[in-house]
Amino acid sequence: MKNTNKCHVKKDDKVKILAGKDRGKIGKVLKVINKKSRILVESINIVKRHTKPSAKNRQGGIVESEAPIQWTNVMLMCNKCMSPSRIRMRQLDDGKKVRVCTKCDEVLDA
């Protein structure tokens, strides 16, 4: 079965968290997991994992790492107006599609 989900954010985008324990925080997208409709955001949704000592990790102990969150719980941050905003798709003269901020009409794709 093919997943047809399309995400409005890409890797290295700046996003604001809208829901959950980290509501209101801003972070950078590290990874987009398309099949599960989730994204990994830097220093957001930190979970602790207890690990046993192994060949890789001699000490063991508690390891903190980011866990993925649903991409519907984030909103893209515009670099120009510095606020979270919805996006619109616009086609340039050369035929390339780009994401545009709805508030200030700034092109978000580099």
PDB file of N, CA and C in Angstrom:
ATOM      1  N   MET A   1       0.842  -1.182   0.000  1.00  0.00           N
ATOM      2  CA  MET A   1       0.000   0.000   0.000  1.00  0.00           C
ATOM      3  C   MET A   1       0.887   1.245   0.000  1.00  0.00           C
ATOM      4  N   LYS A   2       0.643   2.151  -0.914  1.00  0.00           N
ATOM      5  CA  LYS A   2       1.446   3.356  -1.047  1.00  0.00           C
ATOM      6  C   LYS A   2       0.875   4.479  -0.185  1.00  0.00           C
ATOM      7  N   ASN A   3       1.763   5.143   0.540  1.00  0.00           N
ATOM      8  CA  ASN A   3       1.345   6.254   1.393  1.00  0.00           C
ATOM      9  C   ASN A   3       1.410   7.549   0.584  1.00  0.00           C
ATOM     10  N   THR A   4       0.317   8.281   0.523  1.00  0.00           N
ATOM     11  CA  THR A   4       0.264   9.498  -0.288  1.00  0.00           C
ATOM     12  C   THR A   4       0.314  10.768   0.559  1.00  0.00           C
ATOM     13  N   ASN A   5       0.786  10.637   1.814  1.00  0.00           N
ATOM     14  CA  ASN A   5       0.875  11.813   2.687  1.00  0.00           C
ATOM     15  C   ASN A   5       1.917  12.789   2.158  1.00  0.00           C
ATOM     16  N   LYS A   6       1.582  14.072   2.178  1.00  0.00           N
ATOM     17  CA  LYS A   6       2.530  15.115   1.787  1.00  0.00           C
ATOM     18  C   LYS A   6       2.710  16.031   2.978  1.00  0.00           C
ATOM     19  N   CYS A   7       3.948  16.253   3.335  1.00  0.00           N
ATOM     20  CA  CYS A   7       4.261  17.073   4.495  1.00  0.00           C
ATOM     21  C   CYS A   7       4.527  18.513   4.078  1.00  0.00           C
ATOM     22  N   HIS A   8       4.075  19.474   4.881  1.00  0.00           N
ATOM     23  CA  HIS A   8       4.269  20.889   4.576  1.00  0.00           C
ATOM     24  C   HIS A   8       5.610  21.406   5.075  1.00  0.00           C
ATOM     25  N   VAL A   9       6.357  20.593   5.810  1.00  0.00           N
ATOM     26  CA  VAL A   9       7.680  21.004   6.281  1.00  0.00           C
ATOM     27  C   VAL A   9       8.743  20.090   5.689  1.00  0.00           C
ATOM     28  N   LYS A  10       9.959  20.621   5.596  1.00  0.00           N
ATOM     29  CA  LYS A  10      11.093  19.867   5.070  1.00  0.00           C
ATOM     30  C   LYS A  10      12.223  19.880   6.083  1.00  0.00           C
ATOM     31  N   LYS A  11      13.229  19.079   5.836  1.00  0.00           N
ATOM     32  CA  LYS A  11      14.399  19.040   6.702  1.00  0.00           C
ATOM     33  C   LYS A  11      15.048  20.433   6.748  1.00  0.00           C
ATOM     34  N   ASP A  12      15.546  20.814   7.903  1.00  0.00           N
ATOM     35  CA  ASP A  12      16.209  22.093   8.178  1.00  0.00           C
ATOM     36  C   ASP A  12      15.250  23.285   8.240  1.00  0.00           C
ATOM     37  N   ASP A  13      13.924  23.073   8.198  1.00  0.00           N
ATOM     38  CA  ASP A  13      12.969  24.163   8.389  1.00  0.00           C
ATOM     39  C   ASP A  13      12.883  24.510   9.875  1.00  0.00           C
ATOM     40  N   LYS A  14      12.530  25.758  10.169  1.00  0.00           N
ATOM     41  CA  LYS A  14      12.297  26.177  11.545  1.00  0.00           C
ATOM     42  C   LYS A  14      10.794  26.095  11.794  1.00  0.00           C
ATOM     43  N   VAL A  15      10.396  25.382  12.865  1.00  0.00           N
ATOM     44  CA  VAL A  15       8.969  25.186  13.141  1.00  0.00           C
ATOM     45  C   VAL A  15       8.648  25.560  14.586  1.00  0.00           C
ATOM     46  N   LYS A  16       7.379  25.908  14.813  1.00  0.00           N
ATOM     47  CA  LYS A  16       6.877  26.179  16.161  1.00  0.00           C
ATOM     48  C   LYS A  16       5.936  25.049  16.539  1.00  0.00           C
ATOM     49  N   ILE A  17       6.056  24.545  17.774  1.00  0.00           N
ATOM     50  CA  ILE A  17       5.245  23.431  18.249  1.00  0.00           C
ATOM     51  C   ILE A  17       3.895  23.975  18.730  1.00  0.00           C
ATOM     52  N   LEU A  18       2.800  23.397  18.234  1.00  0.00           N
ATOM     53  CA  LEU A  18       1.451  23.874  18.550  1.00  0.00           C
ATOM     54  C   LEU A  18       0.773  23.073  19.653  1.00  0.00           C
ATOM     55  N   ALA A  19       1.179  21.811  19.855  1.00  0.00           N
ATOM     56  CA  ALA A  19       0.495  20.963  20.829  1.00  0.00           C
ATOM     57  C   ALA A  19       1.491  20.042  21.520  1.00  0.00           C
ATOM     58  N   GLY A  20       1.133  19.608  22.710  1.00  0.00           N
ATOM     59  CA  GLY A  20       1.972  18.671  23.450  1.00  0.00           C
ATOM     60  C   GLY A  20       2.720  19.349  24.582  1.00  0.00           C
ATOM     61  N   LYS A  21       3.621  18.593  25.207  1.00  0.00           N
ATOM     62  CA  LYS A  21       4.330  19.107  26.381  1.00  0.00           C
ATOM     63  C   LYS A  21       5.312  20.227  26.042  1.00  0.00           C
ATOM     64  N   ASP A  22       5.720  20.324  24.783  1.00  0.00           N
ATOM     65  CA  ASP A  22       6.667  21.353  24.356  1.00  0.00           C
ATOM     66  C   ASP A  22       5.993  22.488  23.588  1.00  0.00           C
ATOM     67  N   ARG A  23       4.703  22.728  23.823  1.00  0.00           N
ATOM     68  CA  ARG A  23       3.943  23.751  23.111  1.00  0.00           C
ATOM     69  C   ARG A  23       4.607  25.118  23.247  1.00  0.00           C
ATOM     70  N   GLY A  24       4.745  25.821  22.105  1.00  0.00           N
ATOM     71  CA  GLY A  24       5.304  27.151  22.119  1.00  0.00           C
ATOM     72  C   GLY A  24       6.792  27.205  21.806  1.00  0.00           C
ATOM     73  N   LYS A  25       7.478  26.070  21.861  1.00  0.00           N
ATOM     74  CA  LYS A  25       8.912  26.055  21.586  1.00  0.00           C
ATOM     75  C   LYS A  25       9.168  26.078  20.082  1.00  0.00           C
ATOM     76  N   ILE A  26      10.359  26.538  19.715  1.00  0.00           N
ATOM     77  CA  ILE A  26      10.754  26.605  18.317  1.00  0.00           C
ATOM     78  C   ILE A  26      11.986  25.725  18.129  1.00  0.00           C
ATOM     79  N   GLY A  27      11.984  24.932  17.049  1.00  0.00           N
ATOM     80  CA  GLY A  27      13.110  24.051  16.792  1.00  0.00           C
ATOM     81  C   GLY A  27      13.315  23.815  15.306  1.00  0.00           C
ATOM     82  N   LYS A  28      14.417  23.142  14.982  1.00  0.00           N
ATOM     83  CA  LYS A  28      14.773  22.849  13.596  1.00  0.00           C
ATOM     84  C   LYS A  28      14.423  21.402  13.280  1.00  0.00           C
ATOM     85  N   VAL A  29      13.842  21.156  12.119  1.00  0.00           N
ATOM     86  CA  VAL A  29      13.455  19.812  11.714  1.00  0.00           C
ATOM     87  C   VAL A  29      14.709  19.022  11.338  1.00  0.00           C
ATOM     88  N   LEU A  30      14.900  17.869  11.999  1.00  0.00           N
ATOM     89  CA  LEU A  30      16.052  17.025  11.730  1.00  0.00           C
ATOM     90  C   LEU A  30      15.746  15.950  10.691  1.00  0.00           C
ATOM     91  N   LYS A  31      14.505  15.438  10.727  1.00  0.00           N
ATOM     92  CA  LYS A  31      14.152  14.329   9.837  1.00  0.00           C
ATOM     93  C   LYS A  31      12.645  14.301   9.633  1.00  0.00           C
ATOM     94  N   VAL A  32      12.214  13.952   8.427  1.00  0.00           N
ATOM     95  CA  VAL A  32      10.794  13.786   8.118  1.00  0.00           C
ATOM     96  C   VAL A  32      10.541  12.308   7.861  1.00  0.00           C
ATOM     97  N   ILE A  33       9.623  11.713   8.627  1.00  0.00           N
ATOM     98  CA  ILE A  33       9.275  10.297   8.469  1.00  0.00           C
ATOM     99  C   ILE A  33       7.919  10.258   7.779  1.00  0.00           C
ATOM    100  N   ASN A  34       7.937  10.151   6.450  1.00  0.00           N
ATOM    101  CA  ASN A  34       6.732  10.281   5.643  1.00  0.00           C
ATOM    102  C   ASN A  34       5.724   9.164   5.892  1.00  0.00           C
ATOM    103  N   LYS A  35       6.183   7.925   6.027  1.00  0.00           N
ATOM    104  CA  LYS A  35       5.263   6.788   6.152  1.00  0.00           C
ATOM    105  C   LYS A  35       4.411   6.862   7.413  1.00  0.00           C
ATOM    106  N   LYS A  36       4.962   7.458   8.474  1.00  0.00           N
ATOM    107  CA  LYS A  36       4.237   7.526   9.738  1.00  0.00           C
ATOM    108  C   LYS A  36       3.676   8.916  10.026  1.00  0.00           C
ATOM    109  N   SER A  37       3.814   9.862   9.091  1.00  0.00           N
ATOM    110  CA  SER A  37       3.330  11.239   9.243  1.00  0.00           C
ATOM    111  C   SER A  37       3.931  11.921  10.471  1.00  0.00           C
ATOM    112  N   ARG A  38       5.226  11.745  10.652  1.00  0.00           N
ATOM    113  CA  ARG A  38       5.901  12.296  11.821  1.00  0.00           C
ATOM    114  C   ARG A  38       7.182  13.015  11.433  1.00  0.00           C
ATOM    115  N   ILE A  39       7.616  13.920  12.313  1.00  0.00           N
ATOM    116  CA  ILE A  39       8.888  14.608  12.108  1.00  0.00           C
ATOM    117  C   ILE A  39       9.692  14.580  13.399  1.00  0.00           C
ATOM    118  N   LEU A  40      11.005  14.694  13.254  1.00  0.00           N
ATOM    119  CA  LEU A  40      11.919  14.750  14.380  1.00  0.00           C
ATOM    120  C   LEU A  40      12.429  16.184  14.475  1.00  0.00           C
ATOM    121  N   VAL A  41      12.190  16.831  15.619  1.00  0.00           N
ATOM    122  CA  VAL A  41      12.572  18.233  15.797  1.00  0.00           C
ATOM    123  C   VAL A  41      13.656  18.316  16.870  1.00  0.00           C
ATOM    124  N   GLU A  42      14.661  19.155  16.596  1.00  0.00           N
ATOM    125  CA  GLU A  42      15.809  19.300  17.485  1.00  0.00           C
ATOM    126  C   GLU A  42      15.385  19.794  18.869  1.00  0.00           C
ATOM    127  N   SER A  43      15.786  19.080  19.908  1.00  0.00           N
ATOM    128  CA  SER A  43      15.541  19.381  21.331  1.00  0.00           C
ATOM    129  C   SER A  43      14.052  19.509  21.682  1.00  0.00           C
ATOM    130  N   ILE A  44      13.200  18.798  20.960  1.00  0.00           N
ATOM    131  CA  ILE A  44      11.757  18.768  21.254  1.00  0.00           C
ATOM    132  C   ILE A  44      11.353  17.309  21.488  1.00  0.00           C
ATOM    133  N   ASN A  45      10.445  17.085  22.447  1.00  0.00           N
ATOM    134  CA  ASN A  45       9.944  15.762  22.796  1.00  0.00           C
ATOM    135  C   ASN A  45      11.089  14.838  23.220  1.00  0.00           C
ATOM    136  N   ILE A  46      11.860  15.288  24.200  1.00  0.00           N
ATOM    137  CA  ILE A  46      12.993  14.523  24.714  1.00  0.00           C
ATOM    138  C   ILE A  46      12.470  13.370  25.563  1.00  0.00           C
ATOM    139  N   VAL A  47      12.962  12.156  25.286  1.00  0.00           N
ATOM    140  CA  VAL A  47      12.598  10.969  26.060  1.00  0.00           C
ATOM    141  C   VAL A  47      13.859  10.363  26.656  1.00  0.00           C
ATOM    142  N   LYS A  48      13.706   9.700  27.808  1.00  0.00           N
ATOM    143  CA  LYS A  48      14.831   9.052  28.470  1.00  0.00           C
ATOM    144  C   LYS A  48      14.715   7.554  28.274  1.00  0.00           C
ATOM    145  N   ARG A  49      15.835   6.934  27.949  1.00  0.00           N
ATOM    146  CA  ARG A  49      15.854   5.495  27.695  1.00  0.00           C
ATOM    147  C   ARG A  49      16.928   4.874  28.575  1.00  0.00           C
ATOM    148  N   HIS A  50      16.570   3.848  29.327  1.00  0.00           N
ATOM    149  CA  HIS A  50      17.518   3.163  30.199  1.00  0.00           C
ATOM    150  C   HIS A  50      18.194   2.056  29.398  1.00  0.00           C
ATOM    151  N   THR A  51      19.519   2.111  29.302  1.00  0.00           N
ATOM    152  CA  THR A  51      20.252   1.139  28.493  1.00  0.00           C
ATOM    153  C   THR A  51      21.198   0.318  29.349  1.00  0.00           C
ATOM    154  N   LYS A  52      21.347  -0.940  28.982  1.00  0.00           N
ATOM    155  CA  LYS A  52      22.297  -1.823  29.643  1.00  0.00           C
ATOM    156  C   LYS A  52      23.684  -1.599  29.057  1.00  0.00           C
ATOM    157  N   PRO A  53      24.713  -1.888  29.801  1.00  0.00           N
ATOM    158  CA  PRO A  53      26.061  -1.810  29.232  1.00  0.00           C
ATOM    159  C   PRO A  53      26.223  -2.817  28.092  1.00  0.00           C
ATOM    160  N   SER A  54      26.888  -2.383  27.006  1.00  0.00           N
ATOM    161  CA  SER A  54      27.095  -3.260  25.852  1.00  0.00           C
ATOM    162  C   SER A  54      28.462  -2.951  25.255  1.00  0.00           C
ATOM    163  N   ALA A  55      28.777  -3.580  24.130  1.00  0.00           N
ATOM    164  CA  ALA A  55      30.053  -3.340  23.464  1.00  0.00           C
ATOM    165  C   ALA A  55      30.149  -1.888  22.989  1.00  0.00           C
ATOM    166  N   LYS A  56      29.038  -1.356  22.476  1.00  0.00           N
ATOM    167  CA  LYS A  56      29.020   0.038  22.019  1.00  0.00           C
ATOM    168  C   LYS A  56      29.054   1.012  23.192  1.00  0.00           C
ATOM    169  N   ASN A  57      28.191   0.778  24.152  1.00  0.00           N
ATOM    170  CA  ASN A  57      28.060   1.672  25.295  1.00  0.00           C
ATOM    171  C   ASN A  57      28.530   0.931  26.548  1.00  0.00           C
ATOM    172  N   ARG A  58      29.783   1.105  26.918  1.00  0.00           N
ATOM    173  CA  ARG A  58      30.356   0.363  28.045  1.00  0.00           C
ATOM    174  C   ARG A  58      29.682   0.712  29.369  1.00  0.00           C
ATOM    175  N   GLN A  59      29.352   1.979  29.560  1.00  0.00           N
ATOM    176  CA  GLN A  59      28.826   2.439  30.840  1.00  0.00           C
ATOM    177  C   GLN A  59      27.358   2.054  31.038  1.00  0.00           C
ATOM    178  N   GLY A  60      26.541   2.170  29.990  1.00  0.00           N
ATOM    179  CA  GLY A  60      25.104   1.996  30.169  1.00  0.00           C
ATOM    180  C   GLY A  60      24.529   3.250  30.795  1.00  0.00           C
ATOM    181  N   GLY A  61      23.331   3.163  31.361  1.00  0.00           N
ATOM    182  CA  GLY A  61      22.736   4.309  32.040  1.00  0.00           C
ATOM    183  C   GLY A  61      21.553   4.879  31.297  1.00  0.00           C
ATOM    184  N   ILE A  62      21.261   6.146  31.568  1.00  0.00           N
ATOM    185  CA  ILE A  62      20.092   6.806  30.999  1.00  0.00           C
ATOM    186  C   ILE A  62      20.534   7.666  29.818  1.00  0.00           C
ATOM    187  N   VAL A  63      19.926   7.415  28.656  1.00  0.00           N
ATOM    188  CA  VAL A  63      20.254   8.145  27.432  1.00  0.00           C
ATOM    189  C   VAL A  63      19.051   8.996  27.037  1.00  0.00           C
ATOM    190  N   GLU A  64      19.287  10.282  26.801  1.00  0.00           N
ATOM    191  CA  GLU A  64      18.208  11.174  26.370  1.00  0.00           C
ATOM    192  C   GLU A  64      18.285  11.377  24.871  1.00  0.00           C
ATOM    193  N   SER A  65      17.124  11.320  24.186  1.00  0.00           N
ATOM    194  CA  SER A  65      17.093  11.541  22.740  1.00  0.00           C
ATOM    195  C   SER A  65      15.737  12.107  22.343  1.00  0.00           C
ATOM    196  N   GLU A  66      15.670  12.642  21.107  1.00  0.00           N
ATOM    197  CA  GLU A  66      14.416  13.190  20.605  1.00  0.00           C
ATOM    198  C   GLU A  66      13.536  12.064  20.085  1.00  0.00           C
ATOM    199  N   ALA A  67      12.237  12.217  20.292  1.00  0.00           N
ATOM    200  CA  ALA A  67      11.267  11.273  19.743  1.00  0.00           C
ATOM    201  C   ALA A  67      10.448  12.015  18.691  1.00  0.00           C
ATOM    202  N   PRO A  68       9.969  11.297  17.654  1.00  0.00           N
ATOM    203  CA  PRO A  68       9.188  11.961  16.605  1.00  0.00           C
ATOM    204  C   PRO A  68       7.836  12.458  17.121  1.00  0.00           C
ATOM    205  N   ILE A  69       7.351  13.555  16.503  1.00  0.00           N
ATOM    206  CA  ILE A  69       6.025  14.072  16.821  1.00  0.00           C
ATOM    207  C   ILE A  69       5.205  14.156  15.531  1.00  0.00           C
ATOM    208  N   GLN A  70       3.907  14.194  15.677  1.00  0.00           N
ATOM    209  CA  GLN A  70       3.000  14.296  14.535  1.00  0.00           C
ATOM    210  C   GLN A  70       3.222  15.625  13.826  1.00  0.00           C
ATOM    211  N   TRP A  71       3.308  15.632  12.497  1.00  0.00           N
ATOM    212  CA  TRP A  71       3.605  16.875  11.787  1.00  0.00           C
ATOM    213  C   TRP A  71       2.417  17.836  11.742  1.00  0.00           C
ATOM    214  N   THR A  72       1.241  17.379  12.150  1.00  0.00           N
ATOM    215  CA  THR A  72       0.097  18.294  12.234  1.00  0.00           C
ATOM    216  C   THR A  72       0.195  19.191  13.462  1.00  0.00           C
ATOM    217  N   ASN A  73       1.119  18.874  14.366  1.00  0.00           N
ATOM    218  CA  ASN A  73       1.282  19.648  15.597  1.00  0.00           C
ATOM    219  C   ASN A  73       2.350  20.727  15.481  1.00  0.00           C
ATOM    220  N   VAL A  74       2.813  21.002  14.277  1.00  0.00           N
ATOM    221  CA  VAL A  74       3.821  22.047  14.093  1.00  0.00           C
ATOM    222  C   VAL A  74       3.367  23.025  13.013  1.00  0.00           C
ATOM    223  N   MET A  75       3.921  24.244  13.087  1.00  0.00           N
ATOM    224  CA  MET A  75       3.636  25.260  12.085  1.00  0.00           C
ATOM    225  C   MET A  75       4.948  25.880  11.639  1.00  0.00           C
ATOM    226  N   LEU A  76       5.082  26.084  10.357  1.00  0.00           N
ATOM    227  CA  LEU A  76       6.304  26.612   9.773  1.00  0.00           C
ATOM    228  C   LEU A  76       6.529  28.059  10.183  1.00  0.00           C
ATOM    229  N   MET A  77       7.778  28.394  10.527  1.00  0.00           N
ATOM    230  CA  MET A  77       8.138  29.761  10.902  1.00  0.00           C
ATOM    231  C   MET A  77       8.674  30.485   9.675  1.00  0.00           C
ATOM    232  N   CYS A  78       8.201  31.712   9.461  1.00  0.00           N
ATOM    233  CA  CYS A  78       8.685  32.540   8.356  1.00  0.00           C
ATOM    234  C   CYS A  78       9.917  33.308   8.830  1.00  0.00           C
ATOM    235  N   ASN A  79      10.951  33.365   7.992  1.00  0.00           N
ATOM    236  CA  ASN A  79      12.183  34.067   8.361  1.00  0.00           C
ATOM    237  C   ASN A  79      12.028  35.581   8.316  1.00  0.00           C
ATOM    238  N   LYS A  80      11.151  36.080   7.455  1.00  0.00           N
ATOM    239  CA  LYS A  80      10.997  37.533   7.295  1.00  0.00           C
ATOM    240  C   LYS A  80      10.138  38.131   8.411  1.00  0.00           C
ATOM    241  N   CYS A  81       8.916  37.608   8.572  1.00  0.00           N
ATOM    242  CA  CYS A  81       8.017  38.192   9.574  1.00  0.00           C
ATOM    243  C   CYS A  81       8.181  37.540  10.954  1.00  0.00           C
ATOM    244  N   MET A  82       9.058  36.540  11.079  1.00  0.00           N
ATOM    245  CA  MET A  82       9.375  35.862  12.335  1.00  0.00           C
ATOM    246  C   MET A  82       8.145  35.413  13.118  1.00  0.00           C
ATOM    247  N   SER A  83       7.168  34.885  12.394  1.00  0.00           N
ATOM    248  CA  SER A  83       5.971  34.377  13.048  1.00  0.00           C
ATOM    249  C   SER A  83       5.561  33.074  12.378  1.00  0.00           C
ATOM    250  N   PRO A  84       4.856  32.196  13.120  1.00  0.00           N
ATOM    251  CA  PRO A  84       4.368  30.971  12.495  1.00  0.00           C
ATOM    252  C   PRO A  84       3.248  31.309  11.512  1.00  0.00           C
ATOM    253  N   SER A  85       3.279  30.706  10.338  1.00  0.00           N
ATOM    254  CA  SER A  85       2.256  31.022   9.342  1.00  0.00           C
ATOM    255  C   SER A  85       1.961  29.813   8.471  1.00  0.00           C
ATOM    256  N   ARG A  86       0.815  29.859   7.851  1.00  0.00           N
ATOM    257  CA  ARG A  86       0.469  28.838   6.874  1.00  0.00           C
ATOM    258  C   ARG A  86       1.245  29.119   5.594  1.00  0.00           C
ATOM    259  N   ILE A  87       1.285  28.130   4.725  1.00  0.00           N
ATOM    260  CA  ILE A  87       2.014  28.334   3.481  1.00  0.00           C
ATOM    261  C   ILE A  87       1.095  28.143   2.293  1.00  0.00           C
ATOM    262  N   ARG A  88       1.523  28.724   1.184  1.00  0.00           N
ATOM    263  CA  ARG A  88       0.803  28.617  -0.074  1.00  0.00           C
ATOM    264  C   ARG A  88       1.834  28.220  -1.117  1.00  0.00           C
ATOM    265  N   MET A  89       1.432  27.466  -2.110  1.00  0.00           N
ATOM    266  CA  MET A  89       2.342  27.080  -3.180  1.00  0.00           C
ATOM    267  C   MET A  89       2.197  28.077  -4.328  1.00  0.00           C
ATOM    268  N   ARG A  90       3.336  28.479  -4.881  1.00  0.00           N
ATOM    269  CA  ARG A  90       3.338  29.407  -6.013  1.00  0.00           C
ATOM    270  C   ARG A  90       4.287  28.874  -7.066  1.00  0.00           C
ATOM    271  N   GLN A  91       3.901  29.012  -8.318  1.00  0.00           N
ATOM    272  CA  GLN A  91       4.750  28.560  -9.418  1.00  0.00           C
ATOM    273  C   GLN A  91       5.503  29.763  -9.982  1.00  0.00           C
ATOM    274  N   LEU A  92       6.824  29.643 -10.032  1.00  0.00           N
ATOM    275  CA  LEU A  92       7.656  30.718 -10.570  1.00  0.00           C
ATOM    276  C   LEU A  92       7.625  30.703 -12.095  1.00  0.00           C
ATOM    277  N   ASP A  93       8.234  31.725 -12.709  1.00  0.00           N
ATOM    278  CA  ASP A  93       8.255  31.835 -14.173  1.00  0.00           C
ATOM    279  C   ASP A  93       8.965  30.662 -14.833  1.00  0.00           C
ATOM    280  N   ASP A  94       9.988  30.118 -14.150  1.00  0.00           N
ATOM    281  CA  ASP A  94      10.734  28.998 -14.737  1.00  0.00           C
ATOM    282  C   ASP A  94      10.041  27.651 -14.512  1.00  0.00           C
ATOM    283  N   GLY A  95       8.849  27.655 -13.912  1.00  0.00           N
ATOM    284  CA  GLY A  95       8.080  26.434 -13.729  1.00  0.00           C
ATOM    285  C   GLY A  95       8.319  25.750 -12.394  1.00  0.00           C
ATOM    286  N   LYS A  96       9.193  26.288 -11.562  1.00  0.00           N
ATOM    287  CA  LYS A  96       9.508  25.696 -10.271  1.00  0.00           C
ATOM    288  C   LYS A  96       8.454  26.090  -9.244  1.00  0.00           C
ATOM    289  N   LYS A  97       7.996  25.099  -8.435  1.00  0.00           N
ATOM    290  CA  LYS A  97       7.028  25.377  -7.381  1.00  0.00           C
ATOM    291  C   LYS A  97       7.773  25.709  -6.097  1.00  0.00           C
ATOM    292  N   VAL A  98       7.333  26.771  -5.420  1.00  0.00           N
ATOM    293  CA  VAL A  98       7.955  27.179  -4.164  1.00  0.00           C
ATOM    294  C   VAL A  98       6.887  27.412  -3.101  1.00  0.00           C
ATOM    295  N   ARG A  99       7.305  27.318  -1.829  1.00  0.00           N
ATOM    296  CA  ARG A  99       6.406  27.600  -0.715  1.00  0.00           C
ATOM    297  C   ARG A  99       6.498  29.080  -0.385  1.00  0.00           C
ATOM    298  N   VAL A 100       5.324  29.702  -0.118  1.00  0.00           N
ATOM    299  CA  VAL A 100       5.263  31.136   0.139  1.00  0.00           C
ATOM    300  C   VAL A 100       4.494  31.369   1.435  1.00  0.00           C
ATOM    301  N   CYS A 101       4.982  32.293   2.271  1.00  0.00           N
ATOM    302  CA  CYS A 101       4.304  32.681   3.513  1.00  0.00           C
ATOM    303  C   CYS A 101       3.018  33.411   3.158  1.00  0.00           C
ATOM    304  N   THR A 102       1.917  33.064   3.822  1.00  0.00           N
ATOM    305  CA  THR A 102       0.642  33.717   3.519  1.00  0.00           C
ATOM    306  C   THR A 102       0.558  35.111   4.125  1.00  0.00           C
ATOM    307  N   LYS A 103       1.348  35.396   5.151  1.00  0.00           N
ATOM    308  CA  LYS A 103       1.282  36.703   5.829  1.00  0.00           C
ATOM    309  C   LYS A 103       2.074  37.781   5.078  1.00  0.00           C
ATOM    310  N   CYS A 104       3.301  37.435   4.638  1.00  0.00           N
ATOM    311  CA  CYS A 104       4.156  38.479   4.064  1.00  0.00           C
ATOM    312  C   CYS A 104       4.585  38.187   2.618  1.00  0.00           C
ATOM    313  N   ASP A 105       4.097  37.116   2.025  1.00  0.00           N
ATOM    314  CA  ASP A 105       4.430  36.725   0.641  1.00  0.00           C
ATOM    315  C   ASP A 105       5.920  36.485   0.418  1.00  0.00           C
ATOM    316  N   GLU A 106       6.653  36.078   1.454  1.00  0.00           N
ATOM    317  CA  GLU A 106       8.077  35.760   1.340  1.00  0.00           C
ATOM    318  C   GLU A 106       8.233  34.322   0.855  1.00  0.00           C
ATOM    319  N   VAL A 107       9.138  34.089  -0.101  1.00  0.00           N
ATOM    320  CA  VAL A 107       9.417  32.729  -0.574  1.00  0.00           C
ATOM    321  C   VAL A 107      10.226  32.007   0.487  1.00  0.00           C
ATOM    322  N   LEU A 108       9.741  30.837   0.946  1.00  0.00           N
ATOM    323  CA  LEU A 108      10.389  30.108   2.025  1.00  0.00           C
ATOM    324  C   LEU A 108      11.453  29.138   1.536  1.00  0.00           C
ATOM    325  N   ASP A 109      11.365  28.674   0.295  1.00  0.00           N
ATOM    326  CA  ASP A 109      12.362  27.751  -0.241  1.00  0.00           C
ATOM    327  C   ASP A 109      13.588  28.526  -0.697  1.00  0.00           C
ATOM    328  N   ALA A 110      14.733  27.969  -0.387  1.00  0.00           N
ATOM    329  CA  ALA A 110      15.982  28.654  -0.769  1.00  0.00           C
ATOM    330  C   ALA A 110      16.346  28.366  -2.217  1.00  0.00           C
TER     331      ALA A 110
END
